[in-house]
């Protein structure tokens, strides 16, 4: 193999890893401790049609996810303990279609009784994760495991439409930082 081909191959590998680093590990290049990114897009999600609260948090995971989802949902419960949560809703969106639909809501409520678990079929999951750029890939080794991004999405209702405001990417979540953001937004909405 020529030296030119080896150099081009090496450059291709470096570029590929650089792109993956930029796309999948945003918390390393965020300028704040919560890995917070502002991303204002209007979103129309069917499961939010009857939602009344002006602030909605959405977390993606799956029932039985013990390494990522369980600690994250405990942290989200801690956030709810620090804020005035009466006008804030949290939706846990299940990414594993083989889960029992009722177990999804039960799983979410086991962390906090006001959390809402949402079961979607595969087509609905694909639509939502595409709209919100959520990474979700079935494990090659275990059909009951989903590799997924563990980001927290914050939405604000404006003129009867939910608008994504922030994405928090750092794990574990910065409980104080996110709590202060929510409290500040609540003050702005009054």
N, C-alpha and C. Protein backbone atom coordinates (compact mmCIF):
# COMPACT_ATOMS: atom_id res chain seq x y z
N UNK A 1 0.86 -1.17 0.00
CA UNK A 1 0.00 0.00 0.00
C UNK A 1 0.90 1.23 0.00
N UNK A 2 0.51 2.21 -0.81
CA UNK A 2 1.34 3.41 -0.91
C UNK A 2 1.21 4.28 0.33
N UNK A 3 2.20 5.12 0.50
CA UNK A 3 2.22 6.05 1.66
C UNK A 3 1.02 6.99 1.56
N UNK A 4 0.68 7.40 0.37
CA UNK A 4 -0.45 8.33 0.18
C UNK A 4 -1.76 7.70 0.67
N UNK A 5 -1.97 6.44 0.34
CA UNK A 5 -3.19 5.74 0.79
C UNK A 5 -3.21 5.61 2.30
N UNK A 6 -2.06 5.33 2.90
CA UNK A 6 -1.99 5.22 4.36
C UNK A 6 -2.32 6.55 5.03
N UNK A 7 -1.80 7.64 4.49
CA UNK A 7 -2.06 8.97 5.06
C UNK A 7 -3.54 9.32 4.90
N UNK A 8 -4.10 9.07 3.72
CA UNK A 8 -5.53 9.34 3.49
C UNK A 8 -6.40 8.50 4.42
N UNK A 9 -6.03 7.25 4.61
CA UNK A 9 -6.78 6.38 5.52
C UNK A 9 -6.73 6.88 6.95
N UNK A 10 -5.55 7.30 7.38
CA UNK A 10 -5.38 7.85 8.72
C UNK A 10 -6.19 9.14 8.89
N UNK A 11 -6.15 10.01 7.90
CA UNK A 11 -6.94 11.25 7.95
C UNK A 11 -8.43 10.95 8.01
N UNK A 12 -8.87 9.96 7.27
CA UNK A 12 -10.28 9.57 7.30
C UNK A 12 -10.68 9.09 8.68
N UNK A 13 -9.86 8.31 9.31
CA UNK A 13 -10.14 7.81 10.66
C UNK A 13 -10.19 8.97 11.66
N UNK A 14 -9.23 9.88 11.58
CA UNK A 14 -9.19 11.03 12.49
C UNK A 14 -10.43 11.90 12.29
N UNK A 15 -10.79 12.17 11.04
CA UNK A 15 -11.98 12.98 10.76
C UNK A 15 -13.25 12.31 11.27
N UNK A 16 -13.36 11.01 11.08
CA UNK A 16 -14.53 10.27 11.54
C UNK A 16 -14.68 10.38 13.05
N UNK A 17 -13.60 10.14 13.78
CA UNK A 17 -13.67 10.24 15.24
C UNK A 17 -13.94 11.67 15.69
N UNK A 18 -13.40 12.64 14.98
CA UNK A 18 -13.65 14.04 15.34
C UNK A 18 -15.13 14.38 15.19
N UNK A 19 -15.73 13.93 14.10
CA UNK A 19 -17.16 14.18 13.88
C UNK A 19 -17.99 13.49 14.95
N UNK A 20 -17.68 12.24 15.27
CA UNK A 20 -18.42 11.52 16.31
C UNK A 20 -18.27 12.22 17.65
N UNK A 21 -17.07 12.72 17.95
CA UNK A 21 -16.83 13.42 19.20
C UNK A 21 -17.70 14.67 19.28
N UNK A 22 -17.75 15.42 18.21
CA UNK A 22 -18.53 16.66 18.18
C UNK A 22 -20.02 16.38 18.29
N UNK A 23 -20.50 15.34 17.65
CA UNK A 23 -21.93 15.04 17.64
C UNK A 23 -22.40 14.40 18.95
N UNK A 24 -21.67 13.42 19.45
CA UNK A 24 -22.18 12.63 20.56
C UNK A 24 -21.65 13.01 21.94
N UNK A 25 -20.71 13.90 22.03
CA UNK A 25 -20.18 14.26 23.33
C UNK A 25 -20.17 15.79 23.49
N UNK A 26 -21.34 16.43 23.37
CA UNK A 26 -21.37 17.89 23.43
C UNK A 26 -21.00 18.46 24.78
N UNK A 27 -21.12 17.69 25.84
CA UNK A 27 -20.80 18.24 27.15
C UNK A 27 -19.33 18.61 27.27
N UNK A 28 -18.45 18.03 26.45
CA UNK A 28 -17.05 18.37 26.52
C UNK A 28 -16.74 19.73 25.91
N UNK A 29 -17.59 20.21 25.02
CA UNK A 29 -17.32 21.51 24.44
C UNK A 29 -18.36 22.55 24.81
N UNK A 30 -19.19 22.26 25.77
CA UNK A 30 -20.13 23.24 26.28
C UNK A 30 -19.41 24.19 27.22
N UNK A 31 -19.89 25.42 27.29
CA UNK A 31 -19.21 26.39 28.14
C UNK A 31 -19.87 26.54 29.50
N UNK A 32 -20.64 25.57 29.93
CA UNK A 32 -21.24 25.64 31.26
C UNK A 32 -21.23 24.27 31.91
N UNK A 33 -21.48 24.23 33.19
CA UNK A 33 -21.36 22.98 33.93
C UNK A 33 -22.48 21.99 33.67
N UNK A 34 -23.59 22.45 33.14
CA UNK A 34 -24.72 21.55 32.90
C UNK A 34 -24.75 21.06 31.46
N UNK A 35 -23.77 21.42 30.66
CA UNK A 35 -23.81 21.03 29.26
C UNK A 35 -25.06 21.57 28.60
N UNK A 36 -25.46 22.78 28.97
CA UNK A 36 -26.73 23.34 28.48
C UNK A 36 -26.54 23.96 27.11
N UNK A 37 -27.44 23.58 26.22
CA UNK A 37 -27.48 24.15 24.89
C UNK A 37 -28.85 24.76 24.65
N UNK A 38 -28.85 25.94 24.11
CA UNK A 38 -30.10 26.59 23.77
C UNK A 38 -30.47 26.15 22.36
N UNK A 39 -31.69 25.64 22.23
CA UNK A 39 -32.14 25.15 20.93
C UNK A 39 -33.63 25.44 20.83
N UNK A 40 -33.96 26.54 20.22
CA UNK A 40 -35.36 26.96 20.17
C UNK A 40 -36.01 26.48 18.88
N UNK A 41 -36.83 25.44 19.04
CA UNK A 41 -37.62 24.94 17.92
C UNK A 41 -39.03 24.65 18.42
N UNK A 42 -40.02 24.97 17.59
CA UNK A 42 -41.39 24.60 17.92
C UNK A 42 -41.53 23.11 17.70
N UNK A 43 -42.27 22.50 18.60
CA UNK A 43 -42.43 21.05 18.51
C UNK A 43 -43.89 20.68 18.75
N UNK A 44 -44.37 19.78 17.95
CA UNK A 44 -45.74 19.31 18.10
C UNK A 44 -45.67 17.81 18.38
N UNK A 45 -45.84 17.46 19.64
CA UNK A 45 -45.80 16.05 20.03
C UNK A 45 -47.17 15.65 20.52
N UNK A 46 -47.69 14.57 19.98
CA UNK A 46 -49.06 14.14 20.27
C UNK A 46 -49.31 13.94 21.75
N UNK A 47 -48.34 13.39 22.47
CA UNK A 47 -48.56 13.13 23.90
C UNK A 47 -48.62 14.42 24.72
N UNK A 48 -48.27 15.56 24.14
CA UNK A 48 -48.35 16.84 24.85
C UNK A 48 -49.63 17.62 24.54
N UNK A 49 -50.50 17.07 23.70
CA UNK A 49 -51.70 17.81 23.28
C UNK A 49 -52.58 18.24 24.43
N UNK A 50 -52.69 17.46 25.49
CA UNK A 50 -53.56 17.80 26.62
C UNK A 50 -52.78 18.40 27.79
N UNK A 51 -51.48 18.58 27.62
CA UNK A 51 -50.66 19.13 28.69
C UNK A 51 -50.99 20.60 28.91
N UNK A 52 -51.13 20.98 30.18
CA UNK A 52 -51.47 22.36 30.54
C UNK A 52 -50.29 23.13 31.12
N UNK A 53 -49.33 22.43 31.71
CA UNK A 53 -48.22 23.12 32.37
C UNK A 53 -47.36 23.86 31.35
N UNK A 54 -46.89 25.04 31.73
CA UNK A 54 -46.09 25.83 30.78
C UNK A 54 -44.65 25.34 30.61
N UNK A 55 -44.17 24.51 31.54
CA UNK A 55 -42.82 23.98 31.44
C UNK A 55 -42.89 22.46 31.41
N UNK A 56 -42.24 21.87 30.42
CA UNK A 56 -42.22 20.42 30.29
C UNK A 56 -40.77 19.96 30.13
N UNK A 57 -40.42 18.95 30.90
CA UNK A 57 -39.13 18.29 30.79
C UNK A 57 -39.35 16.92 30.16
N UNK A 58 -38.48 16.54 29.24
CA UNK A 58 -38.59 15.23 28.60
C UNK A 58 -37.24 14.52 28.72
N UNK A 59 -37.33 13.27 29.20
CA UNK A 59 -36.15 12.42 29.30
C UNK A 59 -36.43 11.12 28.57
N UNK A 60 -35.50 10.65 27.75
CA UNK A 60 -35.66 9.41 26.99
C UNK A 60 -34.88 8.30 27.67
N UNK A 61 -35.48 7.12 27.71
CA UNK A 61 -34.83 5.96 28.29
C UNK A 61 -35.69 4.74 28.04
N UNK A 62 -35.57 3.76 28.90
CA UNK A 62 -36.43 2.58 28.77
C UNK A 62 -36.55 1.88 30.11
N UNK A 63 -37.66 1.20 30.27
CA UNK A 63 -37.93 0.45 31.49
C UNK A 63 -36.87 -0.64 31.62
N UNK A 64 -36.22 -0.68 32.77
CA UNK A 64 -35.18 -1.67 33.00
C UNK A 64 -33.78 -1.13 32.78
N UNK A 65 -33.65 0.10 32.36
CA UNK A 65 -32.34 0.73 32.17
C UNK A 65 -31.83 1.14 33.55
N UNK A 66 -30.88 0.38 34.07
CA UNK A 66 -30.40 0.64 35.43
C UNK A 66 -29.15 1.51 35.48
N UNK A 67 -28.35 1.48 34.43
CA UNK A 67 -27.09 2.21 34.46
C UNK A 67 -27.23 3.70 34.20
N UNK A 68 -28.17 4.08 33.34
CA UNK A 68 -28.33 5.49 32.95
C UNK A 68 -29.64 6.06 33.47
N UNK A 69 -30.74 5.40 33.16
CA UNK A 69 -32.07 5.96 33.45
C UNK A 69 -32.37 6.06 34.95
N UNK A 70 -32.06 5.02 35.67
CA UNK A 70 -32.37 5.03 37.10
C UNK A 70 -31.66 6.17 37.83
N UNK A 71 -30.34 6.34 37.67
CA UNK A 71 -29.70 7.48 38.34
C UNK A 71 -30.24 8.83 37.83
N UNK A 72 -30.48 8.93 36.53
CA UNK A 72 -30.98 10.19 35.97
C UNK A 72 -32.36 10.53 36.52
N UNK A 73 -33.24 9.55 36.62
CA UNK A 73 -34.59 9.81 37.15
C UNK A 73 -34.54 10.16 38.63
N UNK A 74 -33.60 9.59 39.37
CA UNK A 74 -33.41 10.00 40.77
C UNK A 74 -32.97 11.47 40.83
N UNK A 75 -32.07 11.86 39.94
CA UNK A 75 -31.62 13.25 39.89
C UNK A 75 -32.77 14.18 39.51
N UNK A 76 -33.60 13.76 38.59
CA UNK A 76 -34.75 14.58 38.19
C UNK A 76 -35.73 14.73 39.35
N UNK A 77 -35.89 13.69 40.14
CA UNK A 77 -36.71 13.79 41.35
C UNK A 77 -36.11 14.82 42.30
N UNK A 78 -34.78 14.85 42.43
CA UNK A 78 -34.12 15.85 43.28
C UNK A 78 -34.39 17.26 42.76
N UNK A 79 -34.39 17.42 41.46
CA UNK A 79 -34.71 18.73 40.87
C UNK A 79 -36.13 19.12 41.25
N UNK A 80 -37.07 18.18 41.15
CA UNK A 80 -38.47 18.47 41.49
C UNK A 80 -38.63 18.83 42.96
N UNK A 81 -37.77 18.32 43.82
CA UNK A 81 -37.83 18.67 45.24
C UNK A 81 -37.31 20.08 45.50
N UNK A 82 -36.46 20.59 44.60
CA UNK A 82 -35.86 21.92 44.79
C UNK A 82 -36.68 23.05 44.16
N UNK A 83 -37.61 22.72 43.28
CA UNK A 83 -38.36 23.75 42.56
C UNK A 83 -39.82 23.73 42.98
N UNK A 84 -40.54 24.78 42.60
CA UNK A 84 -41.99 24.79 42.73
C UNK A 84 -42.50 24.02 41.51
N UNK A 85 -42.84 22.76 41.71
CA UNK A 85 -43.12 21.87 40.58
C UNK A 85 -44.58 21.86 40.13
N UNK A 86 -45.40 22.74 40.69
CA UNK A 86 -46.83 22.66 40.34
C UNK A 86 -47.12 23.03 38.89
N UNK A 87 -46.22 23.77 38.22
CA UNK A 87 -46.47 24.10 36.81
C UNK A 87 -45.40 23.51 35.89
N UNK A 88 -44.80 22.40 36.35
CA UNK A 88 -43.77 21.70 35.57
C UNK A 88 -44.17 20.24 35.45
N UNK A 89 -44.05 19.70 34.25
CA UNK A 89 -44.32 18.28 34.03
C UNK A 89 -43.05 17.61 33.53
N UNK A 90 -42.89 16.33 33.89
CA UNK A 90 -41.78 15.54 33.38
C UNK A 90 -42.34 14.31 32.68
N UNK A 91 -41.88 14.10 31.45
CA UNK A 91 -42.28 12.93 30.67
C UNK A 91 -41.05 12.04 30.47
N UNK A 92 -41.22 10.77 30.82
CA UNK A 92 -40.21 9.76 30.56
C UNK A 92 -40.68 9.02 29.31
N UNK A 93 -39.94 9.15 28.22
CA UNK A 93 -40.31 8.52 26.95
C UNK A 93 -39.56 7.21 26.82
N UNK A 94 -40.31 6.12 26.79
CA UNK A 94 -39.74 4.79 26.70
C UNK A 94 -39.30 4.50 25.26
N UNK A 95 -38.09 4.01 25.10
CA UNK A 95 -37.54 3.71 23.77
C UNK A 95 -37.60 2.23 23.42
N UNK A 96 -38.05 1.40 24.34
CA UNK A 96 -38.05 -0.05 24.14
C UNK A 96 -39.49 -0.52 23.90
N UNK A 97 -39.81 -0.87 22.67
CA UNK A 97 -41.20 -1.22 22.34
C UNK A 97 -41.64 -2.55 22.94
N UNK A 98 -40.70 -3.38 23.38
CA UNK A 98 -41.09 -4.67 23.96
C UNK A 98 -41.56 -4.53 25.41
N UNK A 99 -41.44 -3.34 25.98
CA UNK A 99 -41.90 -3.11 27.36
C UNK A 99 -43.42 -3.12 27.42
N UNK A 100 -43.95 -3.57 28.54
CA UNK A 100 -45.39 -3.52 28.78
C UNK A 100 -45.79 -2.03 28.88
N UNK A 101 -46.78 -1.59 28.09
CA UNK A 101 -47.15 -0.17 28.10
C UNK A 101 -47.45 0.39 29.49
N UNK A 102 -48.14 -0.36 30.34
CA UNK A 102 -48.46 0.13 31.69
C UNK A 102 -47.21 0.24 32.56
N UNK A 103 -46.22 -0.62 32.31
CA UNK A 103 -45.01 -0.59 33.12
C UNK A 103 -44.22 0.69 32.91
N UNK A 104 -44.40 1.35 31.77
CA UNK A 104 -43.66 2.58 31.49
C UNK A 104 -44.09 3.68 32.46
N UNK A 105 -45.39 3.87 32.61
CA UNK A 105 -45.88 4.89 33.54
C UNK A 105 -45.55 4.50 34.98
N UNK A 106 -45.69 3.23 35.30
CA UNK A 106 -45.34 2.76 36.65
C UNK A 106 -43.87 3.01 36.96
N UNK A 107 -43.01 2.75 35.98
CA UNK A 107 -41.57 2.97 36.15
C UNK A 107 -41.29 4.45 36.45
N UNK A 108 -41.87 5.33 35.65
CA UNK A 108 -41.65 6.78 35.85
C UNK A 108 -42.17 7.22 37.22
N UNK A 109 -43.35 6.77 37.59
CA UNK A 109 -43.96 7.16 38.86
C UNK A 109 -43.24 6.56 40.07
N UNK A 110 -42.46 5.52 39.87
CA UNK A 110 -41.71 4.95 40.99
C UNK A 110 -40.61 5.91 41.47
N UNK A 111 -40.26 6.88 40.65
CA UNK A 111 -39.27 7.89 41.04
C UNK A 111 -39.93 9.14 41.60
N UNK A 112 -41.09 9.47 41.07
CA UNK A 112 -41.85 10.62 41.54
C UNK A 112 -43.28 10.45 41.04
N UNK A 113 -44.29 10.55 41.92
CA UNK A 113 -45.67 10.28 41.50
C UNK A 113 -46.21 11.21 40.42
N UNK A 114 -45.57 12.37 40.20
CA UNK A 114 -46.06 13.27 39.15
C UNK A 114 -45.38 13.03 37.81
N UNK A 115 -44.33 12.21 37.77
CA UNK A 115 -43.68 11.90 36.50
C UNK A 115 -44.65 11.08 35.64
N UNK A 116 -44.57 11.29 34.34
CA UNK A 116 -45.47 10.60 33.40
C UNK A 116 -44.64 9.75 32.46
N UNK A 117 -44.97 8.47 32.41
CA UNK A 117 -44.30 7.57 31.49
C UNK A 117 -45.09 7.46 30.21
N UNK A 118 -44.40 7.52 29.08
CA UNK A 118 -45.07 7.49 27.78
C UNK A 118 -44.57 6.30 26.98
N UNK A 119 -45.51 5.45 26.59
CA UNK A 119 -45.20 4.33 25.72
C UNK A 119 -45.58 4.73 24.30
N UNK A 120 -44.65 4.58 23.36
CA UNK A 120 -44.90 4.88 21.96
C UNK A 120 -44.57 3.65 21.12
N UNK A 121 -45.25 3.51 19.98
CA UNK A 121 -44.88 2.43 19.07
C UNK A 121 -43.62 2.86 18.31
N UNK A 122 -43.02 1.96 17.56
CA UNK A 122 -41.73 2.24 16.92
C UNK A 122 -41.81 3.42 15.96
N UNK A 123 -42.90 3.53 15.22
CA UNK A 123 -43.04 4.65 14.28
C UNK A 123 -43.09 5.98 15.04
N UNK A 124 -43.82 6.02 16.15
CA UNK A 124 -43.90 7.24 16.96
C UNK A 124 -42.54 7.57 17.59
N UNK A 125 -41.84 6.54 18.07
CA UNK A 125 -40.50 6.75 18.63
C UNK A 125 -39.59 7.36 17.58
N UNK A 126 -39.60 6.78 16.38
CA UNK A 126 -38.73 7.28 15.31
C UNK A 126 -39.04 8.74 14.98
N UNK A 127 -40.31 9.10 14.98
CA UNK A 127 -40.70 10.48 14.69
C UNK A 127 -40.17 11.42 15.75
N UNK A 128 -40.35 11.07 17.02
CA UNK A 128 -39.94 11.94 18.13
C UNK A 128 -38.42 12.06 18.19
N UNK A 129 -37.71 10.94 18.09
CA UNK A 129 -36.25 11.02 18.22
C UNK A 129 -35.63 11.74 17.02
N UNK A 130 -36.28 11.66 15.88
CA UNK A 130 -35.80 12.42 14.71
C UNK A 130 -36.00 13.91 14.92
N UNK A 131 -37.18 14.30 15.40
CA UNK A 131 -37.46 15.72 15.65
C UNK A 131 -36.52 16.32 16.67
N UNK A 132 -36.16 15.54 17.69
CA UNK A 132 -35.35 16.07 18.80
C UNK A 132 -33.88 15.64 18.73
N UNK A 133 -33.50 14.95 17.65
CA UNK A 133 -32.12 14.49 17.48
C UNK A 133 -31.62 13.66 18.65
N UNK A 134 -32.42 12.70 19.06
CA UNK A 134 -32.05 11.80 20.15
C UNK A 134 -31.39 10.57 19.56
N UNK A 135 -30.25 10.19 20.12
CA UNK A 135 -29.57 8.99 19.69
C UNK A 135 -30.19 7.78 20.39
N UNK A 136 -30.60 6.80 19.60
CA UNK A 136 -31.20 5.58 20.15
C UNK A 136 -30.87 4.43 19.21
N UNK A 137 -30.10 3.46 19.74
CA UNK A 137 -29.67 2.33 18.92
C UNK A 137 -29.84 1.05 19.72
N UNK A 138 -30.55 0.06 19.16
CA UNK A 138 -30.67 -1.21 19.87
C UNK A 138 -29.29 -1.87 20.05
N UNK A 139 -29.11 -2.47 21.19
CA UNK A 139 -27.85 -3.18 21.46
C UNK A 139 -27.75 -4.40 20.55
N UNK A 140 -26.55 -4.67 20.10
CA UNK A 140 -26.33 -5.85 19.27
C UNK A 140 -26.29 -7.12 20.10
N UNK A 141 -26.03 -6.96 21.40
CA UNK A 141 -25.86 -8.13 22.27
C UNK A 141 -27.12 -8.52 23.02
N UNK A 142 -28.01 -7.57 23.26
CA UNK A 142 -29.19 -7.85 24.08
C UNK A 142 -30.37 -7.05 23.55
N UNK A 143 -31.42 -7.74 23.11
CA UNK A 143 -32.58 -7.06 22.52
C UNK A 143 -33.36 -6.22 23.53
N UNK A 144 -33.10 -6.39 24.80
CA UNK A 144 -33.78 -5.61 25.83
C UNK A 144 -32.94 -4.43 26.33
N UNK A 145 -31.93 -4.06 25.55
CA UNK A 145 -31.08 -2.93 25.91
C UNK A 145 -31.04 -1.97 24.73
N UNK A 146 -31.16 -0.69 25.05
CA UNK A 146 -31.07 0.37 24.04
C UNK A 146 -29.93 1.31 24.46
N UNK A 147 -29.00 1.53 23.57
CA UNK A 147 -27.98 2.55 23.80
C UNK A 147 -28.61 3.87 23.38
N UNK A 148 -28.60 4.85 24.27
CA UNK A 148 -29.31 6.10 23.97
C UNK A 148 -28.64 7.29 24.64
N UNK A 149 -28.91 8.46 24.08
CA UNK A 149 -28.42 9.68 24.72
C UNK A 149 -29.25 9.92 25.97
N UNK A 150 -28.62 10.44 27.00
CA UNK A 150 -29.28 10.64 28.29
C UNK A 150 -29.41 12.13 28.58
N UNK A 151 -29.99 12.84 27.63
CA UNK A 151 -30.13 14.28 27.75
C UNK A 151 -31.50 14.64 28.30
N UNK A 152 -31.56 15.79 28.93
CA UNK A 152 -32.82 16.33 29.43
C UNK A 152 -33.22 17.48 28.52
N UNK A 153 -34.44 17.42 28.02
CA UNK A 153 -34.97 18.44 27.10
C UNK A 153 -35.99 19.28 27.87
N UNK A 154 -35.82 20.61 27.81
CA UNK A 154 -36.74 21.53 28.48
C UNK A 154 -37.54 22.29 27.44
N UNK A 155 -38.87 22.28 27.62
CA UNK A 155 -39.78 22.95 26.70
C UNK A 155 -40.60 23.99 27.45
N UNK A 156 -40.93 25.07 26.75
CA UNK A 156 -41.78 26.12 27.30
C UNK A 156 -42.97 26.29 26.36
N UNK A 157 -44.15 26.42 26.96
CA UNK A 157 -45.36 26.61 26.16
C UNK A 157 -45.53 28.10 25.86
N UNK A 158 -45.57 28.43 24.58
CA UNK A 158 -45.79 29.80 24.13
C UNK A 158 -46.88 29.78 23.07
N UNK A 159 -47.96 30.54 23.32
CA UNK A 159 -49.07 30.60 22.37
C UNK A 159 -49.60 29.21 22.01
N UNK A 160 -49.80 28.39 23.02
CA UNK A 160 -50.34 27.03 22.87
C UNK A 160 -49.44 26.08 22.08
N UNK A 161 -48.18 26.44 21.90
CA UNK A 161 -47.23 25.57 21.21
C UNK A 161 -46.01 25.39 22.12
N UNK A 162 -45.53 24.15 22.23
CA UNK A 162 -44.32 23.91 23.02
C UNK A 162 -43.10 24.18 22.15
N UNK A 163 -42.17 24.92 22.75
CA UNK A 163 -40.94 25.29 22.08
C UNK A 163 -39.79 24.72 22.90
N UNK A 164 -38.94 23.94 22.25
CA UNK A 164 -37.77 23.45 22.96
C UNK A 164 -36.88 24.64 23.26
N UNK A 165 -36.47 24.75 24.51
CA UNK A 165 -35.65 25.89 24.95
C UNK A 165 -34.21 25.45 25.21
N UNK A 166 -34.05 24.39 26.01
CA UNK A 166 -32.72 23.94 26.39
C UNK A 166 -32.61 22.42 26.28
N UNK A 167 -31.35 21.98 26.10
CA UNK A 167 -30.99 20.57 26.21
C UNK A 167 -29.83 20.53 27.21
N UNK A 168 -29.98 19.71 28.25
CA UNK A 168 -28.93 19.52 29.25
C UNK A 168 -28.26 18.18 28.96
N UNK A 169 -26.96 18.22 28.72
CA UNK A 169 -26.26 17.04 28.22
C UNK A 169 -25.32 16.38 29.21
N UNK A 170 -24.99 17.06 30.29
CA UNK A 170 -24.00 16.52 31.22
C UNK A 170 -24.61 15.45 32.12
N UNK A 171 -23.88 14.37 32.28
CA UNK A 171 -24.32 13.31 33.18
C UNK A 171 -23.22 13.11 34.23
N UNK A 172 -23.55 13.16 35.50
CA UNK A 172 -24.88 13.36 36.07
C UNK A 172 -25.35 14.80 35.86
N UNK A 173 -26.67 14.98 35.93
CA UNK A 173 -27.23 16.32 35.77
C UNK A 173 -26.76 17.23 36.89
N UNK A 174 -26.55 18.48 36.56
CA UNK A 174 -26.22 19.50 37.56
C UNK A 174 -27.55 19.97 38.18
N UNK A 175 -27.92 19.36 39.28
CA UNK A 175 -29.22 19.58 39.90
C UNK A 175 -29.45 21.05 40.24
N UNK A 176 -28.46 21.70 40.84
CA UNK A 176 -28.62 23.11 41.22
C UNK A 176 -28.78 24.00 39.99
N UNK A 177 -27.96 23.79 38.99
CA UNK A 177 -27.99 24.61 37.78
C UNK A 177 -29.35 24.50 37.08
N UNK A 178 -29.81 23.28 36.89
CA UNK A 178 -31.09 23.06 36.20
C UNK A 178 -32.24 23.60 37.04
N UNK A 179 -32.18 23.40 38.35
CA UNK A 179 -33.22 23.93 39.24
C UNK A 179 -33.31 25.45 39.14
N UNK A 180 -32.16 26.11 39.11
CA UNK A 180 -32.14 27.57 38.99
C UNK A 180 -32.70 28.02 37.65
N UNK A 181 -32.37 27.29 36.58
CA UNK A 181 -32.93 27.62 35.26
C UNK A 181 -34.46 27.55 35.29
N UNK A 182 -34.99 26.47 35.86
CA UNK A 182 -36.44 26.29 35.89
C UNK A 182 -37.08 27.39 36.75
N UNK A 183 -36.50 27.69 37.90
CA UNK A 183 -37.02 28.74 38.77
C UNK A 183 -36.99 30.10 38.06
N UNK A 184 -35.91 30.38 37.33
CA UNK A 184 -35.82 31.64 36.58
C UNK A 184 -36.92 31.71 35.50
N UNK A 185 -37.11 30.61 34.78
CA UNK A 185 -38.14 30.58 33.73
C UNK A 185 -39.54 30.75 34.35
N UNK A 186 -39.77 30.12 35.49
CA UNK A 186 -41.06 30.28 36.17
C UNK A 186 -41.31 31.75 36.50
N UNK A 187 -40.27 32.45 36.95
CA UNK A 187 -40.40 33.87 37.26
C UNK A 187 -40.70 34.70 36.01
N UNK A 188 -40.08 34.32 34.89
CA UNK A 188 -40.32 35.03 33.64
C UNK A 188 -41.72 34.81 33.10
N UNK A 189 -42.31 33.65 33.41
CA UNK A 189 -43.64 33.31 32.90
C UNK A 189 -44.76 33.98 33.69
N UNK A 190 -44.47 34.51 34.88
CA UNK A 190 -45.51 35.10 35.71
C UNK A 190 -45.97 36.43 35.17
